[in-house]
Amino acid sequence: MKTKCKKREKIKLPKGFKLVDDFLSKEEIEALENDTTMRDPMVITGGHESETLEESIARISRAIAEAKEEKKMYSIRLKVKTVESIKRKAAAAGIPYQTYVNVVLDNAASA
């Protein structure tokens, strides 16, 4: 049985881009967009080349457990130059700046 698709407006896309159909229904997309349990994607850095499979699994398991820890949003006023510096350092480390701030604060709190 063939289903009829709605005729799309012709959209000019940048070179190398193509338009694809959503694989989720409208209701599923809305449920995902309204899901408050969704978090930012995790960034798990690679281990050392000498790391065994068991060590890799343990490191990744620890990272997942830490990500599941309860977190609360706080608002704090910082100098613009401080945030810019943090963003540069986070970019150099290859991680999102909020993750970088979280790591720095965790280290300072446990020192």
PDB file of N, CA and C in Angstrom:
ATOM      1  N   MET A   1       0.836  -1.182   0.000  1.00  0.00           N
ATOM      2  CA  MET A   1       0.000   0.000   0.000  1.00  0.00           C
ATOM      3  C   MET A   1       0.882   1.247   0.000  1.00  0.00           C
ATOM      4  N   LYS A   2       0.683   2.088  -0.957  1.00  0.00           N
ATOM      5  CA  LYS A   2       1.466   3.313  -1.042  1.00  0.00           C
ATOM      6  C   LYS A   2       0.795   4.417  -0.246  1.00  0.00           C
ATOM      7  N   THR A   3       1.622   5.210   0.421  1.00  0.00           N
ATOM      8  CA  THR A   3       1.093   6.372   1.133  1.00  0.00           C
ATOM      9  C   THR A   3       1.513   7.621   0.377  1.00  0.00           C
ATOM     10  N   LYS A   4       0.639   8.565   0.379  1.00  0.00           N
ATOM     11  CA  LYS A   4       0.937   9.819  -0.318  1.00  0.00           C
ATOM     12  C   LYS A   4       1.644  10.765   0.628  1.00  0.00           C
ATOM     13  N   CYS A   5       2.711  11.348   0.156  1.00  0.00           N
ATOM     14  CA  CYS A   5       3.450  12.340   0.932  1.00  0.00           C
ATOM     15  C   CYS A   5       2.965  13.724   0.538  1.00  0.00           C
ATOM     16  N   LYS A   6       2.975  14.605   1.510  1.00  0.00           N
ATOM     17  CA  LYS A   6       2.631  15.988   1.201  1.00  0.00           C
ATOM     18  C   LYS A   6       3.707  16.578   0.309  1.00  0.00           C
ATOM     19  N   LYS A   7       3.283  17.394  -0.626  1.00  0.00           N
ATOM     20  CA  LYS A   7       4.254  18.051  -1.501  1.00  0.00           C
ATOM     21  C   LYS A   7       4.994  19.101  -0.693  1.00  0.00           C
ATOM     22  N   ARG A   8       6.316  19.032  -0.760  1.00  0.00           N
ATOM     23  CA  ARG A   8       7.151  19.971  -0.018  1.00  0.00           C
ATOM     24  C   ARG A   8       7.430  21.200  -0.852  1.00  0.00           C
ATOM     25  N   GLU A   9       7.617  22.289  -0.120  1.00  0.00           N
ATOM     26  CA  GLU A   9       8.087  23.488  -0.798  1.00  0.00           C
ATOM     27  C   GLU A   9       9.538  23.244  -1.187  1.00  0.00           C
ATOM     28  N   LYS A  10       9.930  23.772  -2.312  1.00  0.00           N
ATOM     29  CA  LYS A  10      11.318  23.617  -2.725  1.00  0.00           C
ATOM     30  C   LYS A  10      12.163  24.578  -1.896  1.00  0.00           C
ATOM     31  N   ILE A  11      13.104  24.011  -1.172  1.00  0.00           N
ATOM     32  CA  ILE A  11      13.979  24.788  -0.291  1.00  0.00           C
ATOM     33  C   ILE A  11      15.384  24.713  -0.852  1.00  0.00           C
ATOM     34  N   LYS A  12      16.033  25.857  -0.973  1.00  0.00           N
ATOM     35  CA  LYS A  12      17.417  25.868  -1.443  1.00  0.00           C
ATOM     36  C   LYS A  12      18.324  25.643  -0.249  1.00  0.00           C
ATOM     37  N   LEU A  13      19.063  24.533  -0.290  1.00  0.00           N
ATOM     38  CA  LEU A  13      19.963  24.172   0.797  1.00  0.00           C
ATOM     39  C   LEU A  13      21.399  24.465   0.401  1.00  0.00           C
ATOM     40  N   PRO A  14      22.252  24.701   1.385  1.00  0.00           N
ATOM     41  CA  PRO A  14      23.672  24.916   1.080  1.00  0.00           C
ATOM     42  C   PRO A  14      24.259  23.669   0.406  1.00  0.00           C
ATOM     43  N   LYS A  15      25.307  23.865  -0.345  1.00  0.00           N
ATOM     44  CA  LYS A  15      25.964  22.773  -1.048  1.00  0.00           C
ATOM     45  C   LYS A  15      26.397  21.690  -0.058  1.00  0.00           C
ATOM     46  N   GLY A  16      26.109  20.443  -0.393  1.00  0.00           N
ATOM     47  CA  GLY A  16      26.493  19.336   0.448  1.00  0.00           C
ATOM     48  C   GLY A  16      25.433  18.936   1.465  1.00  0.00           C
ATOM     49  N   PHE A  17      24.342  19.691   1.570  1.00  0.00           N
ATOM     50  CA  PHE A  17      23.278  19.374   2.504  1.00  0.00           C
ATOM     51  C   PHE A  17      22.106  18.762   1.744  1.00  0.00           C
ATOM     52  N   LYS A  18      21.387  17.867   2.407  1.00  0.00           N
ATOM     53  CA  LYS A  18      20.177  17.330   1.810  1.00  0.00           C
ATOM     54  C   LYS A  18      19.105  17.228   2.878  1.00  0.00           C
ATOM     55  N   LEU A  19      17.870  17.323   2.473  1.00  0.00           N
ATOM     56  CA  LEU A  19      16.733  17.289   3.378  1.00  0.00           C
ATOM     57  C   LEU A  19      16.297  15.840   3.550  1.00  0.00           C
ATOM     58  N   VAL A  20      16.153  15.400   4.782  1.00  0.00           N
ATOM     59  CA  VAL A  20      15.718  14.031   5.047  1.00  0.00           C
ATOM     60  C   VAL A  20      14.443  14.063   5.890  1.00  0.00           C
ATOM     61  N   ASP A  21      13.664  12.990   5.791  1.00  0.00           N
ATOM     62  CA  ASP A  21      12.443  12.889   6.584  1.00  0.00           C
ATOM     63  C   ASP A  21      12.791  12.528   8.014  1.00  0.00           C
ATOM     64  N   ASP A  22      11.997  13.028   8.972  1.00  0.00           N
ATOM     65  CA  ASP A  22      12.160  12.625  10.359  1.00  0.00           C
ATOM     66  C   ASP A  22      11.752  11.168  10.489  1.00  0.00           C
ATOM     67  N   PHE A  23      12.466  10.417  11.287  1.00  0.00           N
ATOM     68  CA  PHE A  23      12.090   9.022  11.495  1.00  0.00           C
ATOM     69  C   PHE A  23      11.190   8.868  12.714  1.00  0.00           C
ATOM     70  N   LEU A  24      10.961   9.971  13.428  1.00  0.00           N
ATOM     71  CA  LEU A  24      10.059   9.970  14.567  1.00  0.00           C
ATOM     72  C   LEU A  24       8.771  10.701  14.202  1.00  0.00           C
ATOM     73  N   SER A  25       7.689  10.327  14.860  1.00  0.00           N
ATOM     74  CA  SER A  25       6.424  11.021  14.632  1.00  0.00           C
ATOM     75  C   SER A  25       6.470  12.386  15.322  1.00  0.00           C
ATOM     76  N   LYS A  26       5.531  13.234  14.977  1.00  0.00           N
ATOM     77  CA  LYS A  26       5.451  14.562  15.588  1.00  0.00           C
ATOM     78  C   LYS A  26       5.292  14.449  17.101  1.00  0.00           C
ATOM     79  N   GLU A  27       4.487  13.485  17.543  1.00  0.00           N
ATOM     80  CA  GLU A  27       4.259  13.294  18.970  1.00  0.00           C
ATOM     81  C   GLU A  27       5.538  12.847  19.677  1.00  0.00           C
ATOM     82  N   GLU A  28       6.303  11.948  19.044  1.00  0.00           N
ATOM     83  CA  GLU A  28       7.551  11.476  19.633  1.00  0.00           C
ATOM     84  C   GLU A  28       8.571  12.609  19.736  1.00  0.00           C
ATOM     85  N   ILE A  29       8.630  13.454  18.714  1.00  0.00           N
ATOM     86  CA  ILE A  29       9.555  14.596  18.732  1.00  0.00           C
ATOM     87  C   ILE A  29       9.175  15.555  19.855  1.00  0.00           C
ATOM     88  N   GLU A  30       7.874  15.850  19.999  1.00  0.00           N
ATOM     89  CA  GLU A  30       7.421  16.746  21.065  1.00  0.00           C
ATOM     90  C   GLU A  30       7.731  16.157  22.441  1.00  0.00           C
ATOM     91  N   ALA A  31       7.558  14.838  22.592  1.00  0.00           N
ATOM     92  CA  ALA A  31       7.855  14.201  23.874  1.00  0.00           C
ATOM     93  C   ALA A  31       9.340  14.335  24.209  1.00  0.00           C
ATOM     94  N   LEU A  32      10.206  14.157  23.214  1.00  0.00           N
ATOM     95  CA  LEU A  32      11.644  14.311  23.435  1.00  0.00           C
ATOM     96  C   LEU A  32      12.008  15.748  23.775  1.00  0.00           C
ATOM     97  N   GLU A  33      11.391  16.697  23.062  1.00  0.00           N
ATOM     98  CA  GLU A  33      11.701  18.104  23.307  1.00  0.00           C
ATOM     99  C   GLU A  33      11.241  18.550  24.688  1.00  0.00           C
ATOM    100  N   ASN A  34      10.187  17.926  25.210  1.00  0.00           N
ATOM    101  CA  ASN A  34       9.647  18.315  26.513  1.00  0.00           C
ATOM    102  C   ASN A  34      10.173  17.455  27.650  1.00  0.00           C
ATOM    103  N   ASP A  35      11.033  16.501  27.346  1.00  0.00           N
ATOM    104  CA  ASP A  35      11.580  15.602  28.359  1.00  0.00           C
ATOM    105  C   ASP A  35      12.613  16.343  29.197  1.00  0.00           C
ATOM    106  N   THR A  36      12.310  16.514  30.471  1.00  0.00           N
ATOM    107  CA  THR A  36      13.229  17.249  31.349  1.00  0.00           C
ATOM    108  C   THR A  36      14.327  16.362  31.914  1.00  0.00           C
ATOM    109  N   THR A  37      14.252  15.051  31.678  1.00  0.00           N
ATOM    110  CA  THR A  37      15.287  14.155  32.188  1.00  0.00           C
ATOM    111  C   THR A  37      16.479  14.065  31.253  1.00  0.00           C
ATOM    112  N   MET A  38      16.346  14.590  30.032  1.00  0.00           N
ATOM    113  CA  MET A  38      17.445  14.534  29.068  1.00  0.00           C
ATOM    114  C   MET A  38      18.549  15.478  29.533  1.00  0.00           C
ATOM    115  N   ARG A  39      19.784  15.021  29.403  1.00  0.00           N
ATOM    116  CA  ARG A  39      20.931  15.835  29.788  1.00  0.00           C
ATOM    117  C   ARG A  39      21.800  16.083  28.582  1.00  0.00           C
ATOM    118  N   ASP A  40      22.779  16.933  28.760  1.00  0.00           N
ATOM    119  CA  ASP A  40      23.744  17.173  27.692  1.00  0.00           C
ATOM    120  C   ASP A  40      24.495  15.882  27.398  1.00  0.00           C
ATOM    121  N   PRO A  41      24.960  15.726  26.175  1.00  0.00           N
ATOM    122  CA  PRO A  41      25.711  14.515  25.859  1.00  0.00           C
ATOM    123  C   PRO A  41      26.971  14.418  26.708  1.00  0.00           C
ATOM    124  N   MET A  42      27.349  13.189  27.037  1.00  0.00           N
ATOM    125  CA  MET A  42      28.548  12.973  27.845  1.00  0.00           C
ATOM    126  C   MET A  42      29.785  13.032  26.971  1.00  0.00           C
ATOM    127  N   VAL A  43      30.839  13.557  27.524  1.00  0.00           N
ATOM    128  CA  VAL A  43      32.130  13.536  26.857  1.00  0.00           C
ATOM    129  C   VAL A  43      33.050  12.664  27.694  1.00  0.00           C
ATOM    130  N   ILE A  44      33.458  11.535  27.134  1.00  0.00           N
ATOM    131  CA  ILE A  44      34.366  10.639  27.829  1.00  0.00           C
ATOM    132  C   ILE A  44      35.649  10.607  27.021  1.00  0.00           C
ATOM    133  N   THR A  45      36.702  11.110  27.610  1.00  0.00           N
ATOM    134  CA  THR A  45      37.966  11.182  26.882  1.00  0.00           C
ATOM    135  C   THR A  45      38.582   9.801  26.740  1.00  0.00           C
ATOM    136  N   GLY A  46      39.410   9.644  25.738  1.00  0.00           N
ATOM    137  CA  GLY A  46      40.079   8.368  25.494  1.00  0.00           C
ATOM    138  C   GLY A  46      41.127   8.097  26.554  1.00  0.00           C
ATOM    139  N   GLY A  47      41.366   6.831  26.776  1.00  0.00           N
ATOM    140  CA  GLY A  47      42.359   6.436  27.760  1.00  0.00           C
ATOM    141  C   GLY A  47      43.744   6.357  27.145  1.00  0.00           C
ATOM    142  N   HIS A  48      44.691   5.973  27.953  1.00  0.00           N
ATOM    143  CA  HIS A  48      46.063   5.818  27.495  1.00  0.00           C
ATOM    144  C   HIS A  48      46.155   4.577  26.628  1.00  0.00           C
ATOM    145  N   GLU A  49      47.080   4.568  25.680  1.00  0.00           N
ATOM    146  CA  GLU A  49      47.204   3.434  24.759  1.00  0.00           C
ATOM    147  C   GLU A  49      47.526   2.128  25.476  1.00  0.00           C
ATOM    148  N   SER A  50      48.115   2.204  26.671  1.00  0.00           N
ATOM    149  CA  SER A  50      48.441   0.999  27.417  1.00  0.00           C
ATOM    150  C   SER A  50      47.269   0.510  28.272  1.00  0.00           C
ATOM    151  N   GLU A  51      46.164   1.237  28.236  1.00  0.00           N
ATOM    152  CA  GLU A  51      45.006   0.889  29.047  1.00  0.00           C
ATOM    153  C   GLU A  51      44.381  -0.414  28.542  1.00  0.00           C
ATOM    154  N   THR A  52      44.094  -1.327  29.464  1.00  0.00           N
ATOM    155  CA  THR A  52      43.465  -2.593  29.090  1.00  0.00           C
ATOM    156  C   THR A  52      41.970  -2.381  28.890  1.00  0.00           C
ATOM    157  N   LEU A  53      41.314  -3.380  28.311  1.00  0.00           N
ATOM    158  CA  LEU A  53      39.870  -3.304  28.108  1.00  0.00           C
ATOM    159  C   LEU A  53      39.144  -3.152  29.434  1.00  0.00           C
ATOM    160  N   GLU A  54      39.578  -3.893  30.448  1.00  0.00           N
ATOM    161  CA  GLU A  54      38.944  -3.817  31.764  1.00  0.00           C
ATOM    162  C   GLU A  54      39.105  -2.413  32.362  1.00  0.00           C
ATOM    163  N   GLU A  55      40.286  -1.820  32.195  1.00  0.00           N
ATOM    164  CA  GLU A  55      40.523  -0.461  32.696  1.00  0.00           C
ATOM    165  C   GLU A  55      39.656   0.552  31.950  1.00  0.00           C
ATOM    166  N   SER A  56      39.494   0.351  30.639  1.00  0.00           N
ATOM    167  CA  SER A  56      38.641   1.244  29.845  1.00  0.00           C
ATOM    168  C   SER A  56      37.202   1.161  30.324  1.00  0.00           C
ATOM    169  N   ILE A  57      36.722  -0.063  30.534  1.00  0.00           N
ATOM    170  CA  ILE A  57      35.343  -0.249  30.996  1.00  0.00           C
ATOM    171  C   ILE A  57      35.154   0.380  32.368  1.00  0.00           C
ATOM    172  N   ALA A  58      36.121   0.212  33.258  1.00  0.00           N
ATOM    173  CA  ALA A  58      36.029   0.800  34.600  1.00  0.00           C
ATOM    174  C   ALA A  58      36.017   2.326  34.518  1.00  0.00           C
ATOM    175  N   ARG A  59      36.887   2.900  33.662  1.00  0.00           N
ATOM    176  CA  ARG A  59      36.946   4.360  33.517  1.00  0.00           C
ATOM    177  C   ARG A  59      35.623   4.893  32.971  1.00  0.00           C
ATOM    178  N   ILE A  60      35.077   4.227  31.978  1.00  0.00           N
ATOM    179  CA  ILE A  60      33.809   4.667  31.389  1.00  0.00           C
ATOM    180  C   ILE A  60      32.674   4.500  32.390  1.00  0.00           C
ATOM    181  N   SER A  61      32.679   3.416  33.153  1.00  0.00           N
ATOM    182  CA  SER A  61      31.649   3.194  34.177  1.00  0.00           C
ATOM    183  C   SER A  61      31.683   4.291  35.234  1.00  0.00           C
ATOM    184  N   ARG A  62      32.905   4.691  35.641  1.00  0.00           N
ATOM    185  CA  ARG A  62      33.026   5.793  36.614  1.00  0.00           C
ATOM    186  C   ARG A  62      32.472   7.090  36.033  1.00  0.00           C
ATOM    187  N   ALA A  63      32.782   7.363  34.759  1.00  0.00           N
ATOM    188  CA  ALA A  63      32.300   8.589  34.118  1.00  0.00           C
ATOM    189  C   ALA A  63      30.776   8.603  34.047  1.00  0.00           C
ATOM    190  N   ILE A  64      30.175   7.457  33.747  1.00  0.00           N
ATOM    191  CA  ILE A  64      28.709   7.376  33.687  1.00  0.00           C
ATOM    192  C   ILE A  64      28.113   7.577  35.076  1.00  0.00           C
ATOM    193  N   ALA A  65      28.713   6.965  36.091  1.00  0.00           N
ATOM    194  CA  ALA A  65      28.212   7.117  37.467  1.00  0.00           C
ATOM    195  C   ALA A  65      28.293   8.574  37.916  1.00  0.00           C
ATOM    196  N   GLU A  66      29.405   9.245  37.585  1.00  0.00           N
ATOM    197  CA  GLU A  66      29.551  10.651  37.949  1.00  0.00           C
ATOM    198  C   GLU A  66      28.518  11.507  37.235  1.00  0.00           C
ATOM    199  N   ALA A  67      28.218  11.181  35.979  1.00  0.00           N
ATOM    200  CA  ALA A  67      27.247  11.962  35.220  1.00  0.00           C
ATOM    201  C   ALA A  67      25.843  11.812  35.784  1.00  0.00           C
ATOM    202  N   LYS A  68      25.585  10.670  36.425  1.00  0.00           N
ATOM    203  CA  LYS A  68      24.256  10.420  36.980  1.00  0.00           C
ATOM    204  C   LYS A  68      24.060  11.069  38.347  1.00  0.00           C
ATOM    205  N   GLU A  69      25.137  11.582  38.946  1.00  0.00           N
ATOM    206  CA  GLU A  69      25.012  12.234  40.247  1.00  0.00           C
ATOM    207  C   GLU A  69      24.033  13.395  40.138  1.00  0.00           C
ATOM    208  N   GLU A  70      23.300  13.608  41.206  1.00  0.00           N
ATOM    209  CA  GLU A  70      22.327  14.689  41.220  1.00  0.00           C
ATOM    210  C   GLU A  70      23.030  16.032  41.038  1.00  0.00           C
ATOM    211  N   LYS A  71      22.473  16.837  40.179  1.00  0.00           N
ATOM    212  CA  LYS A  71      23.033  18.164  39.938  1.00  0.00           C
ATOM    213  C   LYS A  71      21.928  19.195  40.076  1.00  0.00           C
ATOM    214  N   LYS A  72      22.311  20.392  40.433  1.00  0.00           N
ATOM    215  CA  LYS A  72      21.368  21.487  40.584  1.00  0.00           C
ATOM    216  C   LYS A  72      21.939  22.698  39.870  1.00  0.00           C
ATOM    217  N   MET A  73      21.075  23.460  39.224  1.00  0.00           N
ATOM    218  CA  MET A  73      21.532  24.635  38.502  1.00  0.00           C
ATOM    219  C   MET A  73      21.700  25.801  39.479  1.00  0.00           C
ATOM    220  N   TYR A  74      22.814  26.513  39.314  1.00  0.00           N
ATOM    221  CA  TYR A  74      23.098  27.700  40.119  1.00  0.00           C
ATOM    222  C   TYR A  74      23.373  28.863  39.183  1.00  0.00           C
ATOM    223  N   SER A  75      23.091  30.027  39.654  1.00  0.00           N
ATOM    224  CA  SER A  75      23.379  31.230  38.878  1.00  0.00           C
ATOM    225  C   SER A  75      24.434  32.024  39.643  1.00  0.00           C
ATOM    226  N   ILE A  76      25.459  32.436  38.932  1.00  0.00           N
ATOM    227  CA  ILE A  76      26.547  33.168  39.567  1.00  0.00           C
ATOM    228  C   ILE A  76      27.038  34.248  38.607  1.00  0.00           C
ATOM    229  N   ARG A  77      27.358  35.404  39.124  1.00  0.00           N
ATOM    230  CA  ARG A  77      27.877  36.482  38.285  1.00  0.00           C
ATOM    231  C   ARG A  77      29.392  36.385  38.240  1.00  0.00           C
ATOM    232  N   LEU A  78      29.913  36.362  37.024  1.00  0.00           N
ATOM    233  CA  LEU A  78      31.352  36.284  36.823  1.00  0.00           C
ATOM    234  C   LEU A  78      31.790  37.390  35.886  1.00  0.00           C
ATOM    235  N   LYS A  79      33.050  37.756  35.975  1.00  0.00           N
ATOM    236  CA  LYS A  79      33.605  38.738  35.054  1.00  0.00           C
ATOM    237  C   LYS A  79      33.626  38.134  33.652  1.00  0.00           C
ATOM    238  N   VAL A  80      33.374  38.954  32.659  1.00  0.00           N
ATOM    239  CA  VAL A  80      33.365  38.500  31.267  1.00  0.00           C
ATOM    240  C   VAL A  80      34.721  37.910  30.899  1.00  0.00           C
ATOM    241  N   LYS A  81      35.802  38.559  31.320  1.00  0.00           N
ATOM    242  CA  LYS A  81      37.128  38.054  30.961  1.00  0.00           C
ATOM    243  C   LYS A  81      37.404  36.702  31.618  1.00  0.00           C
ATOM    244  N   THR A  82      36.808  36.453  32.795  1.00  0.00           N
ATOM    245  CA  THR A  82      36.971  35.160  33.461  1.00  0.00           C
ATOM    246  C   THR A  82      36.301  34.059  32.644  1.00  0.00           C
ATOM    247  N   VAL A  83      35.081  34.309  32.207  1.00  0.00           N
ATOM    248  CA  VAL A  83      34.352  33.318  31.417  1.00  0.00           C
ATOM    249  C   VAL A  83      35.052  33.081  30.073  1.00  0.00           C
ATOM    250  N   GLU A  84      35.542  34.147  29.460  1.00  0.00           N
ATOM    251  CA  GLU A  84      36.261  33.993  28.189  1.00  0.00           C
ATOM    252  C   GLU A  84      37.514  33.134  28.372  1.00  0.00           C
ATOM    253  N   SER A  85      38.217  33.348  29.466  1.00  0.00           N
ATOM    254  CA  SER A  85      39.408  32.560  29.762  1.00  0.00           C
ATOM    255  C   SER A  85      39.050  31.093  29.991  1.00  0.00           C
ATOM    256  N   ILE A  86      37.980  30.861  30.735  1.00  0.00           N
ATOM    257  CA  ILE A  86      37.512  29.494  30.985  1.00  0.00           C
ATOM    258  C   ILE A  86      37.145  28.813  29.674  1.00  0.00           C
ATOM    259  N   LYS A  87      36.454  29.529  28.803  1.00  0.00           N
ATOM    260  CA  LYS A  87      36.056  28.956  27.512  1.00  0.00           C
ATOM    261  C   LYS A  87      37.278  28.598  26.662  1.00  0.00           C
ATOM    262  N   ARG A  88      38.307  29.438  26.708  1.00  0.00           N
ATOM    263  CA  ARG A  88      39.539  29.139  25.954  1.00  0.00           C
ATOM    264  C   ARG A  88      40.204  27.881  26.495  1.00  0.00           C
ATOM    265  N   LYS A  89      40.298  27.789  27.830  1.00  0.00           N
ATOM    266  CA  LYS A  89      40.929  26.623  28.440  1.00  0.00           C
ATOM    267  C   LYS A  89      40.131  25.345  28.164  1.00  0.00           C
ATOM    268  N   ALA A  90      38.816  25.451  28.198  1.00  0.00           N
ATOM    269  CA  ALA A  90      37.966  24.292  27.922  1.00  0.00           C
ATOM    270  C   ALA A  90      38.118  23.856  26.463  1.00  0.00           C
ATOM    271  N   ALA A  91      38.172  24.820  25.561  1.00  0.00           N
ATOM    272  CA  ALA A  91      38.356  24.501  24.141  1.00  0.00           C
ATOM    273  C   ALA A  91      39.698  23.813  23.914  1.00  0.00           C
ATOM    274  N   ALA A  92      40.727  24.290  24.610  1.00  0.00           N
ATOM    275  CA  ALA A  92      42.049  23.675  24.483  1.00  0.00           C
ATOM    276  C   ALA A  92      42.039  22.239  25.017  1.00  0.00           C
ATOM    277  N   ALA A  93      41.204  21.997  26.031  1.00  0.00           N
ATOM    278  CA  ALA A  93      41.083  20.649  26.597  1.00  0.00           C
ATOM    279  C   ALA A  93      40.131  19.782  25.776  1.00  0.00           C
ATOM    280  N   GLY A  94      39.390  20.417  24.867  1.00  0.00           N
ATOM    281  CA  GLY A  94      38.467  19.671  24.006  1.00  0.00           C
ATOM    282  C   GLY A  94      37.178  19.264  24.681  1.00  0.00           C
ATOM    283  N   ILE A  95      36.732  20.054  25.679  1.00  0.00           N
ATOM    284  CA  ILE A  95      35.478  19.744  26.371  1.00  0.00           C
ATOM    285  C   ILE A  95      34.616  20.997  26.454  1.00  0.00           C
ATOM    286  N   PRO A  96      33.300  20.839  26.649  1.00  0.00           N
ATOM    287  CA  PRO A  96      32.432  22.004  26.823  1.00  0.00           C
ATOM    288  C   PRO A  96      32.842  22.807  28.055  1.00  0.00           C
ATOM    289  N   TYR A  97      32.676  24.122  27.993  1.00  0.00           N
ATOM    290  CA  TYR A  97      33.182  24.961  29.090  1.00  0.00           C
ATOM    291  C   TYR A  97      32.455  24.712  30.405  1.00  0.00           C
ATOM    292  N   GLN A  98      31.164  24.362  30.357  1.00  0.00           N
ATOM    293  CA  GLN A  98      30.450  24.105  31.614  1.00  0.00           C
ATOM    294  C   GLN A  98      30.960  22.823  32.265  1.00  0.00           C
ATOM    295  N   THR A  99      31.326  21.842  31.464  1.00  0.00           N
ATOM    296  CA  THR A  99      31.932  20.624  31.987  1.00  0.00           C
ATOM    297  C   THR A  99      33.271  20.959  32.626  1.00  0.00           C
ATOM    298  N   TYR A 100      34.038  21.817  31.954  1.00  0.00           N
ATOM    299  CA  TYR A 100      35.340  22.244  32.479  1.00  0.00           C
ATOM    300  C   TYR A 100      35.164  22.928  33.838  1.00  0.00           C
ATOM    301  N   VAL A 101      34.198  23.840  33.935  1.00  0.00           N
ATOM    302  CA  VAL A 101      33.942  24.542  35.202  1.00  0.00           C
ATOM    303  C   VAL A 101      33.567  23.535  36.281  1.00  0.00           C
ATOM    304  N   ASN A 102      32.727  22.561  35.934  1.00  0.00           N
ATOM    305  CA  ASN A 102      32.299  21.551  36.895  1.00  0.00           C
ATOM    306  C   ASN A 102      33.495  20.762  37.425  1.00  0.00           C
ATOM    307  N   VAL A 103      34.420  20.381  36.543  1.00  0.00           N
ATOM    308  CA  VAL A 103      35.615  19.635  36.936  1.00  0.00           C
ATOM    309  C   VAL A 103      36.493  20.488  37.850  1.00  0.00           C
ATOM    310  N   VAL A 104      36.718  21.748  37.471  1.00  0.00           N
ATOM    311  CA  VAL A 104      37.550  22.644  38.277  1.00  0.00           C
ATOM    312  C   VAL A 104      36.951  22.826  39.666  1.00  0.00           C
ATOM    313  N   LEU A 105      35.650  23.032  39.740  1.00  0.00           N
ATOM    314  CA  LEU A 105      35.004  23.222  41.044  1.00  0.00           C
ATOM    315  C   LEU A 105      35.029  21.933  41.866  1.00  0.00           C
ATOM    316  N   ASP A 106      34.813  20.784  41.233  1.00  0.00           N
ATOM    317  CA  ASP A 106      34.892  19.517  41.945  1.00  0.00           C
ATOM    318  C   ASP A 106      36.280  19.310  42.535  1.00  0.00           C
ATOM    319  N   ASN A 107      37.315  19.589  41.733  1.00  0.00           N
ATOM    320  CA  ASN A 107      38.692  19.448  42.209  1.00  0.00           C
ATOM    321  C   ASN A 107      38.980  20.392  43.373  1.00  0.00           C
ATOM    322  N   ALA A 108      38.503  21.626  43.268  1.00  0.00           N
ATOM    323  CA  ALA A 108      38.731  22.601  44.343  1.00  0.00           C
ATOM    324  C   ALA A 108      37.981  22.193  45.619  1.00  0.00           C
ATOM    325  N   ALA A 109      36.791  21.654  45.453  1.00  0.00           N
ATOM    326  CA  ALA A 109      35.995  21.258  46.621  1.00  0.00           C
ATOM    327  C   ALA A 109      36.569  20.038  47.326  1.00  0.00           C
ATOM    328  N   SER A 110      37.208  19.149  46.569  1.00  0.00           N
ATOM    329  CA  SER A 110      37.758  17.934  47.180  1.00  0.00           C
ATOM    330  C   SER A 110      39.219  18.087  47.595  1.00  0.00           C
ATOM    331  N   ALA A 111      39.822  19.262  47.357  1.00  0.00           N
ATOM    332  CA  ALA A 111      41.235  19.472  47.714  1.00  0.00           C
ATOM    333  C   ALA A 111      41.382  19.745  49.197  1.00  0.00           C
TER     334      ALA A 111
END
